[in-house]
Amino acid sequence: QVQLVESGGGLVQAGGSLRLSCATSGRPFSWYAMGWFRQAPGKQREFVATISSSGNNSYYEDHVKDRFIISRDNAKNAGYLQMNSLKPEDTAVYYCAAALTRLGNRYFTALDYYEYWGQGTQVTVSS
């Protein structure tokens, strides 16, 4: 299995940027597709972005695709989410997750595919 720990959250003004990190340990991170999800108070956890295990393919939720960038460094066993032009509606707890896959170019948008989750990091965007 793999363990995930997020960091990099915090309080930022609207229009600002944050970079979230997801440090992993256990099995090689290169075995897993990675996803970022978020959960705002009173709402269900929702998909934000995903990247294949190889790093060659990625996909974004429509509301973030022009502002957020997902990336990974398999040599460092880490993943990242660069968030730019942040809006108050981006306020949520952000989670990274890993899905074991033998297909290097596959990614997953559905929560059910992800077996491993971090504890989350709070992102608060003030207006």
Protein backbone atom coordinates (compact mmCIF):
# COMPACT_ATOMS: atom_id res chain seq x y z
CA GLN A 1 0.00 0.00 0.00
CA VAL A 2 0.92 3.66 -0.14
CA GLN A 3 0.60 6.42 2.43
CA LEU A 4 -0.12 10.03 1.42
CA VAL A 5 0.38 13.29 3.30
CA GLU A 6 -0.77 16.64 1.95
CA SER A 7 0.75 19.99 2.77
CA GLY A 8 0.75 23.54 1.49
CA GLY A 9 -2.73 24.66 2.37
CA GLY A 10 -3.48 27.93 4.07
CA LEU A 11 -5.28 31.25 3.90
CA VAL A 12 -4.93 33.32 0.74
CA GLN A 13 -6.72 36.28 -0.76
CA ALA A 14 -8.81 35.93 -3.89
CA GLY A 15 -6.59 36.03 -6.95
CA GLY A 16 -3.67 34.52 -5.09
CA SER A 17 -1.90 31.20 -5.52
CA LEU A 18 -1.04 28.15 -3.48
CA ARG A 19 0.90 25.01 -4.26
CA LEU A 20 -0.25 21.84 -2.58
CA SER A 21 2.11 18.91 -2.18
CA CYS A 22 1.34 15.25 -1.67
CA ALA A 23 4.22 13.25 -0.20
CA THR A 24 3.95 9.49 -0.49
CA SER A 25 5.64 6.51 1.12
CA GLY A 26 5.33 2.76 0.91
CA ARG A 27 4.99 1.30 -2.56
CA PRO A 28 6.51 3.23 -5.48
CA PHE A 29 4.39 6.20 -6.38
CA SER A 30 4.92 5.39 -10.06
CA TRP A 31 2.51 2.47 -9.64
CA TYR A 32 -0.40 4.84 -9.00
CA ALA A 33 -2.50 7.35 -10.79
CA MET A 34 -3.07 10.38 -8.58
CA GLY A 35 -6.07 12.56 -8.02
CA TRP A 36 -6.88 15.71 -6.12
CA PHE A 37 -10.31 16.13 -4.60
CA ARG A 38 -11.88 18.73 -2.36
CA GLN A 39 -14.69 18.95 0.13
CA ALA A 40 -16.34 22.16 1.21
CA PRO A 41 -18.43 22.35 4.40
CA GLY A 42 -21.80 20.72 3.92
CA LYS A 43 -20.92 19.41 0.48
CA GLN A 44 -19.81 16.10 -0.95
CA ARG A 45 -16.21 15.45 -1.84
CA GLU A 46 -15.65 16.37 -5.48
CA PHE A 47 -13.11 15.73 -8.17
CA VAL A 48 -10.58 18.47 -8.96
CA ALA A 49 -7.80 16.99 -11.11
CA THR A 50 -6.08 13.74 -11.94
CA ILE A 51 -2.81 12.63 -13.52
CA SER A 52 -1.74 9.27 -14.87
CA SER A 53 0.99 7.25 -13.20
CA SER A 54 3.41 8.15 -15.99
CA GLY A 55 2.56 11.83 -15.71
CA ASN A 56 1.79 12.00 -19.42
CA ASN A 57 -1.96 12.49 -19.15
CA SER A 58 -4.06 14.72 -16.94
CA TYR A 59 -7.63 15.92 -16.66
CA TYR A 60 -9.35 18.73 -14.80
CA GLU A 61 -12.76 19.61 -13.51
CA ASP A 62 -14.19 22.37 -15.70
CA HIS A 63 -14.14 25.08 -13.06
CA VAL A 64 -10.42 24.72 -12.38
CA LYS A 65 -8.92 23.62 -15.68
CA ASP A 66 -7.66 27.06 -16.66
CA ARG A 67 -6.34 27.89 -13.18
CA PHE A 68 -4.94 24.72 -11.61
CA ILE A 69 -2.04 22.54 -12.74
CA ILE A 70 -1.49 18.99 -11.53
CA SER A 71 1.97 17.45 -11.70
CA ARG A 72 4.07 14.72 -10.18
CA ASP A 73 7.67 13.75 -9.62
CA ASN A 74 7.90 9.98 -9.39
CA ALA A 75 11.58 10.13 -8.48
CA LYS A 76 10.58 12.10 -5.38
CA ASN A 77 7.40 10.08 -4.78
CA ALA A 78 5.41 13.28 -4.71
CA GLY A 79 2.52 14.98 -6.43
CA TYR A 80 1.52 18.61 -6.65
CA LEU A 81 -1.39 20.89 -7.35
CA GLN A 82 -0.55 24.44 -8.38
CA MET A 83 -3.59 26.62 -7.79
CA ASN A 84 -3.69 30.06 -9.38
CA SER A 85 -6.30 32.81 -9.53
CA LEU A 86 -7.97 31.37 -6.48
CA LYS A 87 -11.58 32.22 -5.77
CA PRO A 88 -13.59 32.09 -2.54
CA GLU A 89 -15.52 29.13 -3.95
CA ASP A 90 -12.26 27.16 -4.01
CA THR A 91 -12.34 27.11 -0.21
CA ALA A 92 -12.34 23.48 0.92
CA VAL A 93 -10.28 20.71 2.41
CA TYR A 94 -8.12 19.31 -0.39
CA TYR A 95 -7.22 15.63 -0.52
CA CYS A 96 -4.76 13.75 -2.65
CA ALA A 97 -5.52 10.15 -3.51
CA ALA A 98 -3.83 7.24 -5.26
CA ALA A 99 -5.24 4.52 -7.50
CA LEU A 100 -3.14 1.47 -8.33
CA THR A 101 -2.93 0.93 -12.07
CA ARG A 102 -0.82 -1.08 -14.50
CA LEU A 103 -1.66 1.33 -17.29
CA GLY A 104 0.77 4.21 -17.28
CA ASN A 105 -1.42 6.56 -19.28
CA ARG A 106 -4.68 6.03 -17.43
CA TYR A 107 -6.22 8.44 -14.97
CA PHE A 108 -9.41 8.33 -12.91
CA THR A 109 -11.98 10.98 -12.10
CA ALA A 110 -14.30 8.95 -9.86
CA LEU A 111 -13.67 8.72 -6.12
CA ASP A 112 -14.40 5.00 -6.10
CA TYR A 113 -11.25 4.19 -8.07
CA TYR A 114 -9.01 5.58 -5.35
CA GLU A 115 -8.00 3.19 -2.60
CA TYR A 116 -5.61 5.46 -0.71
CA TRP A 117 -6.22 8.94 0.66
CA GLY A 118 -4.36 11.57 2.59
CA GLN A 119 -5.73 13.37 5.62
CA GLY A 120 -6.42 16.59 3.74
CA THR A 121 -5.18 20.15 3.90
CA GLN A 122 -7.37 23.22 4.40
CA VAL A 123 -7.45 25.91 1.72
CA THR A 124 -9.29 29.10 2.57
CA VAL A 125 -9.69 31.89 0.03
CA SER A 126 -10.88 35.23 1.35
CA SER A 127 -12.74 37.75 -0.76
